[in-house]
Every structure is written in structure tokens, then in C-alpha cells.
Amino acid sequence: MTKADIVNEIAKSTGLEKAAVLATVEKFMEVVKESLVSGENVYLRGFGSFIVKTRCQKTARNISKNTTIIIPEHKIPAFKPARVFMDEVKK
């Protein structure tokens, strides 16, 4: 399902205009991105959490040059689904 499919589905079920729904979805994604960039997690009860995970420093190999490189510690965005959500998907 794409963003356009989500907007169409919400517009159809709520009766709102697609433009208004698209603006709302875009703003939601923007707020989530800004929160994660600033280090704040986003918690949506019954759905899940958008969190920032820290990956530890590690050693990797460049096989073509036969060298090792160090990948520094870095942060990545992640999604952790709520237990209720996971239970529904597992059915």
C-alpha cells in the first residue's frame, strides 16, 4: 500500500477531500521525522512506537580492497509495533 492508497482510503471512508487528507498525512510524517531527528520518540498507543536506536561501533571488511574499516556509532530510526497490533497481524 502506498501513501496515495492510504490517502484514497481515508478520504473514501471519512468523506473528506483528498487534498485535506494528503496535507494531514504529510504533516503527520513531518512531525514524526522532526521528533526523531531531535531525539524524541513517538508513541501511538495501540499502534506502536517510532524510536531512535543507537547502533554500536563495529569493525567491517572491505572485501575488494582486503582492508578493515571502523563504522562509528550511529543512530537509526526504527518502528516497534504495539503488542495489540502484533497480535492482530499474527492471526
PDB file of N, CA and C in Angstrom:
ATOM      1  N   MET A   1       0.852  -1.174   0.000  1.00  0.00           N
ATOM      2  CA  MET A   1       0.000   0.000   0.000  1.00  0.00           C
ATOM      3  C   MET A   1       0.899   1.238   0.000  1.00  0.00           C
ATOM      4  N   THR A   2       0.602   2.161  -0.884  1.00  0.00           N
ATOM      5  CA  THR A   2       1.383   3.393  -0.998  1.00  0.00           C
ATOM      6  C   THR A   2       0.703   4.521  -0.233  1.00  0.00           C
ATOM      7  N   LYS A   3       1.402   5.650  -0.150  1.00  0.00           N
ATOM      8  CA  LYS A   3       0.828   6.816   0.524  1.00  0.00           C
ATOM      9  C   LYS A   3      -0.451   7.262  -0.189  1.00  0.00           C
ATOM     10  N   ALA A   4      -0.451   7.206  -1.524  1.00  0.00           N
ATOM     11  CA  ALA A   4      -1.639   7.589  -2.294  1.00  0.00           C
ATOM     12  C   ALA A   4      -2.814   6.660  -1.973  1.00  0.00           C
ATOM     13  N   ASP A   5      -2.536   5.362  -1.813  1.00  0.00           N
ATOM     14  CA  ASP A   5      -3.589   4.414  -1.453  1.00  0.00           C
ATOM     15  C   ASP A   5      -4.150   4.725  -0.067  1.00  0.00           C
ATOM     16  N   ILE A   6      -3.281   5.073   0.859  1.00  0.00           N
ATOM     17  CA  ILE A   6      -3.726   5.422   2.215  1.00  0.00           C
ATOM     18  C   ILE A   6      -4.610   6.659   2.173  1.00  0.00           C
ATOM     19  N   VAL A   7      -4.177   7.687   1.428  1.00  0.00           N
ATOM     20  CA  VAL A   7      -4.962   8.926   1.316  1.00  0.00           C
ATOM     21  C   VAL A   7      -6.321   8.627   0.696  1.00  0.00           C
ATOM     22  N   ASN A   8      -6.356   7.821  -0.362  1.00  0.00           N
ATOM     23  CA  ASN A   8      -7.626   7.479  -1.013  1.00  0.00           C
ATOM     24  C   ASN A   8      -8.550   6.737  -0.054  1.00  0.00           C
ATOM     25  N   GLU A   9      -8.013   5.787   0.690  1.00  0.00           N
ATOM     26  CA  GLU A   9      -8.816   5.001   1.628  1.00  0.00           C
ATOM     27  C   GLU A   9      -9.396   5.880   2.737  1.00  0.00           C
ATOM     28  N   ILE A  10      -8.579   6.773   3.289  1.00  0.00           N
ATOM     29  CA  ILE A  10      -9.062   7.663   4.358  1.00  0.00           C
ATOM     30  C   ILE A  10     -10.110   8.625   3.808  1.00  0.00           C
ATOM     31  N   ALA A  11      -9.859   9.187   2.627  1.00  0.00           N
ATOM     32  CA  ALA A  11     -10.815  10.118   2.019  1.00  0.00           C
ATOM     33  C   ALA A  11     -12.141   9.429   1.742  1.00  0.00           C
ATOM     34  N   LYS A  12     -12.082   8.195   1.268  1.00  0.00           N
ATOM     35  CA  LYS A  12     -13.308   7.459   0.951  1.00  0.00           C
ATOM     36  C   LYS A  12     -14.101   7.129   2.217  1.00  0.00           C
ATOM     37  N   SER A  13     -13.403   6.717   3.271  1.00  0.00           N
ATOM     38  CA  SER A  13     -14.118   6.299   4.488  1.00  0.00           C
ATOM     39  C   SER A  13     -14.589   7.457   5.356  1.00  0.00           C
ATOM     40  N   THR A  14     -13.921   8.620   5.257  1.00  0.00           N
ATOM     41  CA  THR A  14     -14.323   9.756   6.097  1.00  0.00           C
ATOM     42  C   THR A  14     -15.149  10.798   5.352  1.00  0.00           C
ATOM     43  N   GLY A  15     -15.078  10.801   4.026  1.00  0.00           N
ATOM     44  CA  GLY A  15     -15.807  11.795   3.260  1.00  0.00           C
ATOM     45  C   GLY A  15     -15.069  13.117   3.129  1.00  0.00           C
ATOM     46  N   LEU A  16     -13.832  13.173   3.596  1.00  0.00           N
ATOM     47  CA  LEU A  16     -13.029  14.389   3.480  1.00  0.00           C
ATOM     48  C   LEU A  16     -12.395  14.462   2.096  1.00  0.00           C
ATOM     49  N   GLU A  17     -11.982  15.678   1.722  1.00  0.00           N
ATOM     50  CA  GLU A  17     -11.324  15.853   0.430  1.00  0.00           C
ATOM     51  C   GLU A  17      -9.931  15.231   0.460  1.00  0.00           C
ATOM     52  N   LYS A  18      -9.513  14.717  -0.696  1.00  0.00           N
ATOM     53  CA  LYS A  18      -8.200  14.080  -0.777  1.00  0.00           C
ATOM     54  C   LYS A  18      -7.076  15.058  -0.447  1.00  0.00           C
ATOM     55  N   ALA A  19      -7.232  16.305  -0.862  1.00  0.00           N
ATOM     56  CA  ALA A  19      -6.189  17.305  -0.612  1.00  0.00           C
ATOM     57  C   ALA A  19      -6.000  17.529   0.889  1.00  0.00           C
ATOM     58  N   ALA A  20      -7.104  17.577   1.626  1.00  0.00           N
ATOM     59  CA  ALA A  20      -7.020  17.777   3.069  1.00  0.00           C
ATOM     60  C   ALA A  20      -6.395  16.562   3.760  1.00  0.00           C
ATOM     61  N   VAL A  21      -6.783  15.383   3.308  1.00  0.00           N
ATOM     62  CA  VAL A  21      -6.232  14.155   3.882  1.00  0.00           C
ATOM     63  C   VAL A  21      -4.738  14.064   3.571  1.00  0.00           C
ATOM     64  N   LEU A  22      -4.344  14.390   2.337  1.00  0.00           N
ATOM     65  CA  LEU A  22      -2.937  14.351   1.955  1.00  0.00           C
ATOM     66  C   LEU A  22      -2.117  15.318   2.803  1.00  0.00           C
ATOM     67  N   ALA A  23      -2.633  16.519   3.017  1.00  0.00           N
ATOM     68  CA  ALA A  23      -1.932  17.507   3.840  1.00  0.00           C
ATOM     69  C   ALA A  23      -1.767  17.005   5.272  1.00  0.00           C
ATOM     70  N   THR A  24      -2.793  16.341   5.796  1.00  0.00           N
ATOM     71  CA  THR A  24      -2.724  15.803   7.152  1.00  0.00           C
ATOM     72  C   THR A  24      -1.703  14.684   7.255  1.00  0.00           C
ATOM     73  N   VAL A  25      -1.712  13.773   6.301  1.00  0.00           N
ATOM     74  CA  VAL A  25      -0.761  12.657   6.301  1.00  0.00           C
ATOM     75  C   VAL A  25       0.672  13.186   6.163  1.00  0.00           C
ATOM     76  N   GLU A  26       0.873  14.157   5.269  1.00  0.00           N
ATOM     77  CA  GLU A  26       2.201  14.746   5.080  1.00  0.00           C
ATOM     78  C   GLU A  26       2.684  15.414   6.365  1.00  0.00           C
ATOM     79  N   LYS A  27       1.800  16.156   7.031  1.00  0.00           N
ATOM     80  CA  LYS A  27       2.174  16.845   8.269  1.00  0.00           C
ATOM     81  C   LYS A  27       2.481  15.840   9.368  1.00  0.00           C
ATOM     82  N   PHE A  28       1.716  14.744   9.449  1.00  0.00           N
ATOM     83  CA  PHE A  28       1.984  13.699  10.439  1.00  0.00           C
ATOM     84  C   PHE A  28       3.393  13.142  10.242  1.00  0.00           C
ATOM     85  N   MET A  29       3.732  12.812   8.995  1.00  0.00           N
ATOM     86  CA  MET A  29       5.059  12.258   8.721  1.00  0.00           C
ATOM     87  C   MET A  29       6.153  13.273   9.030  1.00  0.00           C
ATOM     88  N   GLU A  30       5.908  14.539   8.744  1.00  0.00           N
ATOM     89  CA  GLU A  30       6.879  15.594   9.031  1.00  0.00           C
ATOM     90  C   GLU A  30       7.116  15.732  10.535  1.00  0.00           C
ATOM     91  N   VAL A  31       6.042  15.683  11.320  1.00  0.00           N
ATOM     92  CA  VAL A  31       6.165  15.792  12.774  1.00  0.00           C
ATOM     93  C   VAL A  31       6.926  14.593  13.340  1.00  0.00           C
ATOM     94  N   VAL A  32       6.648  13.394  12.837  1.00  0.00           N
ATOM     95  CA  VAL A  32       7.360  12.201  13.299  1.00  0.00           C
ATOM     96  C   VAL A  32       8.850  12.323  12.962  1.00  0.00           C
ATOM     97  N   LYS A  33       9.173  12.747  11.737  1.00  0.00           N
ATOM     98  CA  LYS A  33      10.572  12.909  11.340  1.00  0.00           C
ATOM     99  C   LYS A  33      11.283  13.927  12.227  1.00  0.00           C
ATOM    100  N   GLU A  34      10.646  15.083  12.446  1.00  0.00           N
ATOM    101  CA  GLU A  34      11.259  16.131  13.257  1.00  0.00           C
ATOM    102  C   GLU A  34      11.482  15.652  14.687  1.00  0.00           C
ATOM    103  N   SER A  35      10.538  14.908  15.226  1.00  0.00           N
ATOM    104  CA  SER A  35      10.678  14.394  16.580  1.00  0.00           C
ATOM    105  C   SER A  35      11.850  13.428  16.679  1.00  0.00           C
ATOM    106  N   LEU A  36      11.969  12.529  15.719  1.00  0.00           N
ATOM    107  CA  LEU A  36      13.058  11.559  15.735  1.00  0.00           C
ATOM    108  C   LEU A  36      14.416  12.234  15.541  1.00  0.00           C
ATOM    109  N   VAL A  37      14.467  13.245  14.680  1.00  0.00           N
ATOM    110  CA  VAL A  37      15.719  13.970  14.461  1.00  0.00           C
ATOM    111  C   VAL A  37      16.166  14.658  15.749  1.00  0.00           C
ATOM    112  N   SER A  38      15.207  15.175  16.516  1.00  0.00           N
ATOM    113  CA  SER A  38      15.550  15.855  17.771  1.00  0.00           C
ATOM    114  C   SER A  38      15.761  14.873  18.928  1.00  0.00           C
ATOM    115  N   GLY A  39      15.625  13.576  18.665  1.00  0.00           N
ATOM    116  CA  GLY A  39      15.897  12.566  19.685  1.00  0.00           C
ATOM    117  C   GLY A  39      14.695  12.149  20.505  1.00  0.00           C
ATOM    118  N   GLU A  40      13.510  12.625  20.152  1.00  0.00           N
ATOM    119  CA  GLU A  40      12.287  12.265  20.874  1.00  0.00           C
ATOM    120  C   GLU A  40      11.612  11.077  20.190  1.00  0.00           C
ATOM    121  N   ASN A  41      11.164  10.127  20.988  1.00  0.00           N
ATOM    122  CA  ASN A  41      10.402   9.001  20.455  1.00  0.00           C
ATOM    123  C   ASN A  41       8.936   9.393  20.311  1.00  0.00           C
ATOM    124  N   VAL A  42       8.226   8.734  19.404  1.00  0.00           N
ATOM    125  CA  VAL A  42       6.804   8.997  19.179  1.00  0.00           C
ATOM    126  C   VAL A  42       6.037   7.728  19.543  1.00  0.00           C
ATOM    127  N   TYR A  43       5.113   7.842  20.492  1.00  0.00           N
ATOM    128  CA  TYR A  43       4.350   6.690  20.974  1.00  0.00           C
ATOM    129  C   TYR A  43       2.891   6.831  20.549  1.00  0.00           C
ATOM    130  N   LEU A  44       2.380   5.822  19.838  1.00  0.00           N
ATOM    131  CA  LEU A  44       0.986   5.792  19.407  1.00  0.00           C
ATOM    132  C   LEU A  44       0.342   4.565  20.035  1.00  0.00           C
ATOM    133  N   ARG A  45      -0.402   4.779  21.106  1.00  0.00           N
ATOM    134  CA  ARG A  45      -0.997   3.674  21.862  1.00  0.00           C
ATOM    135  C   ARG A  45      -1.862   2.814  20.958  1.00  0.00           C
ATOM    136  N   GLY A  46      -1.651   1.509  21.034  1.00  0.00           N
ATOM    137  CA  GLY A  46      -2.412   0.549  20.238  1.00  0.00           C
ATOM    138  C   GLY A  46      -1.859   0.336  18.842  1.00  0.00           C
ATOM    139  N   PHE A  47      -0.894   1.154  18.437  1.00  0.00           N
ATOM    140  CA  PHE A  47      -0.296   1.025  17.099  1.00  0.00           C
ATOM    141  C   PHE A  47       1.178   0.673  17.198  1.00  0.00           C
ATOM    142  N   GLY A  48       1.958   1.523  17.866  1.00  0.00           N
ATOM    143  CA  GLY A  48       3.382   1.251  18.020  1.00  0.00           C
ATOM    144  C   GLY A  48       4.161   2.504  18.340  1.00  0.00           C
ATOM    145  N   SER A  49       5.468   2.372  18.309  1.00  0.00           N
ATOM    146  CA  SER A  49       6.359   3.474  18.647  1.00  0.00           C
ATOM    147  C   SER A  49       7.392   3.681  17.552  1.00  0.00           C
ATOM    148  N   PHE A  50       7.610   4.926  17.194  1.00  0.00           N
ATOM    149  CA  PHE A  50       8.711   5.302  16.322  1.00  0.00           C
ATOM    150  C   PHE A  50       9.832   5.710  17.259  1.00  0.00           C
ATOM    151  N   ILE A  51      10.951   4.997  17.217  1.00  0.00           N
ATOM    152  CA  ILE A  51      12.021   5.228  18.171  1.00  0.00           C
ATOM    153  C   ILE A  51      13.346   5.449  17.446  1.00  0.00           C
ATOM    154  N   VAL A  52      14.296   5.997  18.185  1.00  0.00           N
ATOM    155  CA  VAL A  52      15.651   6.173  17.675  1.00  0.00           C
ATOM    156  C   VAL A  52      16.525   5.141  18.366  1.00  0.00           C
ATOM    157  N   LYS A  53      17.153   4.271  17.568  1.00  0.00           N
ATOM    158  CA  LYS A  53      18.053   3.253  18.113  1.00  0.00           C
ATOM    159  C   LYS A  53      19.488   3.682  17.863  1.00  0.00           C
ATOM    160  N   THR A  54      20.367   3.296  18.778  1.00  0.00           N
ATOM    161  CA  THR A  54      21.784   3.571  18.623  1.00  0.00           C
ATOM    162  C   THR A  54      22.498   2.281  18.246  1.00  0.00           C
ATOM    163  N   ARG A  55      23.179   2.312  17.125  1.00  0.00           N
ATOM    164  CA  ARG A  55      23.970   1.163  16.689  1.00  0.00           C
ATOM    165  C   ARG A  55      25.392   1.366  17.201  1.00  0.00           C
ATOM    166  N   CYS A  56      25.955   0.347  17.807  1.00  0.00           N
ATOM    167  CA  CYS A  56      27.308   0.421  18.368  1.00  0.00           C
ATOM    168  C   CYS A  56      28.351   0.468  17.255  1.00  0.00           C
ATOM    169  N   GLN A  57      29.525   0.955  17.634  1.00  0.00           N
ATOM    170  CA  GLN A  57      30.655   0.951  16.711  1.00  0.00           C
ATOM    171  C   GLN A  57      31.021  -0.488  16.383  1.00  0.00           C
ATOM    172  N   LYS A  58      31.395  -0.730  15.115  1.00  0.00           N
ATOM    173  CA  LYS A  58      31.786  -2.090  14.745  1.00  0.00           C
ATOM    174  C   LYS A  58      32.858  -2.058  13.673  1.00  0.00           C
ATOM    175  N   THR A  59      33.533  -3.173  13.541  1.00  0.00           N
ATOM    176  CA  THR A  59      34.561  -3.331  12.529  1.00  0.00           C
ATOM    177  C   THR A  59      33.967  -4.081  11.347  1.00  0.00           C
ATOM    178  N   ALA A  60      34.221  -3.563  10.152  1.00  0.00           N
ATOM    179  CA  ALA A  60      33.707  -4.197   8.942  1.00  0.00           C
ATOM    180  C   ALA A  60      34.876  -4.426   7.982  1.00  0.00           C
ATOM    181  N   ARG A  61      34.642  -5.234   6.970  1.00  0.00           N
ATOM    182  CA  ARG A  61      35.694  -5.532   5.995  1.00  0.00           C
ATOM    183  C   ARG A  61      35.279  -5.075   4.614  1.00  0.00           C
ATOM    184  N   ASN A  62      36.225  -4.474   3.919  1.00  0.00           N
ATOM    185  CA  ASN A  62      36.054  -4.152   2.510  1.00  0.00           C
ATOM    186  C   ASN A  62      36.734  -5.287   1.742  1.00  0.00           C
ATOM    187  N   ILE A  63      35.946  -6.203   1.233  1.00  0.00           N
ATOM    188  CA  ILE A  63      36.480  -7.426   0.619  1.00  0.00           C
ATOM    189  C   ILE A  63      37.283  -7.122  -0.642  1.00  0.00           C
ATOM    190  N   SER A  64      36.858  -6.155  -1.440  1.00  0.00           N
ATOM    191  CA  SER A  64      37.558  -5.878  -2.692  1.00  0.00           C
ATOM    192  C   SER A  64      38.963  -5.325  -2.460  1.00  0.00           C
ATOM    193  N   LYS A  65      39.148  -4.542  -1.392  1.00  0.00           N
ATOM    194  CA  LYS A  65      40.477  -3.990  -1.086  1.00  0.00           C
ATOM    195  C   LYS A  65      41.193  -4.774   0.008  1.00  0.00           C
ATOM    196  N   ASN A  66      40.509  -5.751   0.597  1.00  0.00           N
ATOM    197  CA  ASN A  66      41.052  -6.568   1.672  1.00  0.00           C
ATOM    198  C   ASN A  66      41.543  -5.710   2.847  1.00  0.00           C
ATOM    199  N   THR A  67      40.683  -4.762   3.247  1.00  0.00           N
ATOM    200  CA  THR A  67      41.006  -3.891   4.372  1.00  0.00           C
ATOM    201  C   THR A  67      39.864  -3.922   5.371  1.00  0.00           C
ATOM    202  N   THR A  68      40.161  -3.482   6.569  1.00  0.00           N
ATOM    203  CA  THR A  68      39.106  -3.355   7.579  1.00  0.00           C
ATOM    204  C   THR A  68      38.833  -1.880   7.820  1.00  0.00           C
ATOM    205  N   ILE A  69      37.600  -1.584   8.084  1.00  0.00           N
ATOM    206  CA  ILE A  69      37.208  -0.207   8.398  1.00  0.00           C
ATOM    207  C   ILE A  69      36.388  -0.230   9.673  1.00  0.00           C
ATOM    208  N   ILE A  70      36.361   0.896  10.339  1.00  0.00           N
ATOM    209  CA  ILE A  70      35.564   1.008  11.554  1.00  0.00           C
ATOM    210  C   ILE A  70      34.340   1.853  11.235  1.00  0.00           C
ATOM    211  N   ILE A  71      33.173   1.279  11.490  1.00  0.00           N
ATOM    212  CA  ILE A  71      31.918   2.010  11.318  1.00  0.00           C
ATOM    213  C   ILE A  71      31.589   2.620  12.675  1.00  0.00           C
ATOM    214  N   PRO A  72      31.538   3.949  12.761  1.00  0.00           N
ATOM    215  CA  PRO A  72      31.314   4.579  14.066  1.00  0.00           C
ATOM    216  C   PRO A  72      29.893   4.347  14.577  1.00  0.00           C
ATOM    217  N   GLU A  73      29.720   4.583  15.870  1.00  0.00           N
ATOM    218  CA  GLU A  73      28.388   4.501  16.468  1.00  0.00           C
ATOM    219  C   GLU A  73      27.483   5.498  15.768  1.00  0.00           C
ATOM    220  N   HIS A  74      26.245   5.080  15.470  1.00  0.00           N
ATOM    221  CA  HIS A  74      25.316   5.979  14.797  1.00  0.00           C
ATOM    222  C   HIS A  74      23.883   5.651  15.219  1.00  0.00           C
ATOM    223  N   LYS A  75      22.992   6.564  14.925  1.00  0.00           N
ATOM    224  CA  LYS A  75      21.580   6.402  15.292  1.00  0.00           C
ATOM    225  C   LYS A  75      20.764   6.127  14.046  1.00  0.00           C
ATOM    226  N   ILE A  76      19.725   5.289  14.221  1.00  0.00           N
ATOM    227  CA  ILE A  76      18.832   4.969  13.110  1.00  0.00           C
ATOM    228  C   ILE A  76      17.388   5.029  13.603  1.00  0.00           C
ATOM    229  N   PRO A  77      16.446   5.401  12.730  1.00  0.00           N
ATOM    230  CA  PRO A  77      15.039   5.356  13.121  1.00  0.00           C
ATOM    231  C   PRO A  77      14.531   3.918  13.042  1.00  0.00           C
ATOM    232  N   ALA A  78      13.584   3.593  13.913  1.00  0.00           N
ATOM    233  CA  ALA A  78      13.013   2.243  13.920  1.00  0.00           C
ATOM    234  C   ALA A  78      11.543   2.332  14.348  1.00  0.00           C
ATOM    235  N   PHE A  79      10.802   1.287  14.014  1.00  0.00           N
ATOM    236  CA  PHE A  79       9.399   1.183  14.423  1.00  0.00           C
ATOM    237  C   PHE A  79       9.244  -0.071  15.252  1.00  0.00           C
ATOM    238  N   LYS A  80       8.610   0.070  16.402  1.00  0.00           N
ATOM    239  CA  LYS A  80       8.336  -1.078  17.267  1.00  0.00           C
ATOM    240  C   LYS A  80       6.815  -1.183  17.403  1.00  0.00           C
ATOM    241  N   PRO A  81       6.201  -2.204  16.812  1.00  0.00           N
ATOM    242  CA  PRO A  81       4.742  -2.321  16.881  1.00  0.00           C
ATOM    243  C   PRO A  81       4.264  -2.642  18.285  1.00  0.00           C
ATOM    244  N   ALA A  82       3.048  -2.170  18.599  1.00  0.00           N
ATOM    245  CA  ALA A  82       2.429  -2.467  19.894  1.00  0.00           C
ATOM    246  C   ALA A  82       2.030  -3.935  19.937  1.00  0.00           C
ATOM    247  N   ARG A  83       1.943  -4.473  21.130  1.00  0.00           N
ATOM    248  CA  ARG A  83       1.591  -5.891  21.297  1.00  0.00           C
ATOM    249  C   ARG A  83       0.221  -6.186  20.685  1.00  0.00           C
ATOM    250  N   VAL A  84      -0.743  -5.293  20.871  1.00  0.00           N
ATOM    251  CA  VAL A  84      -2.090  -5.489  20.306  1.00  0.00           C
ATOM    252  C   VAL A  84      -2.005  -5.561  18.780  1.00  0.00           C
ATOM    253  N   PHE A  85      -1.218  -4.693  18.200  1.00  0.00           N
ATOM    254  CA  PHE A  85      -1.033  -4.664  16.753  1.00  0.00           C
ATOM    255  C   PHE A  85      -0.384  -5.956  16.268  1.00  0.00           C
ATOM    256  N   MET A  86       0.652  -6.406  16.964  1.00  0.00           N
ATOM    257  CA  MET A  86       1.314  -7.645  16.578  1.00  0.00           C
ATOM    258  C   MET A  86       0.375  -8.838  16.677  1.00  0.00           C
ATOM    259  N   ASP A  87      -0.448  -8.878  17.721  1.00  0.00           N
ATOM    260  CA  ASP A  87      -1.389  -9.980  17.888  1.00  0.00           C
ATOM    261  C   ASP A  87      -2.397 -10.027  16.738  1.00  0.00           C
ATOM    262  N   GLU A  88      -2.853  -8.842  16.272  1.00  0.00           N
ATOM    263  CA  GLU A  88      -3.797  -8.806  15.158  1.00  0.00           C
ATOM    264  C   GLU A  88      -3.153  -9.296  13.866  1.00  0.00           C
ATOM    265  N   VAL A  89      -1.901  -8.960  13.645  1.00  0.00           N
ATOM    266  CA  VAL A  89      -1.201  -9.367  12.421  1.00  0.00           C
ATOM    267  C   VAL A  89      -0.951 -10.871  12.447  1.00  0.00           C
ATOM    268  N   LYS A  90      -0.666 -11.426  13.608  1.00  0.00           N
ATOM    269  CA  LYS A  90      -0.354 -12.849  13.722  1.00  0.00           C
ATOM    270  C   LYS A  90      -1.549 -13.748  13.470  1.00  0.00           C
ATOM    271  N   LYS A  91      -2.763 -13.225  13.606  1.00  0.00           N
ATOM    272  CA  LYS A  91      -3.963 -14.066  13.434  1.00  0.00           C
ATOM    273  C   LYS A  91      -4.116 -14.532  12.018  1.00  0.00           C
TER     274      LYS A  91
END
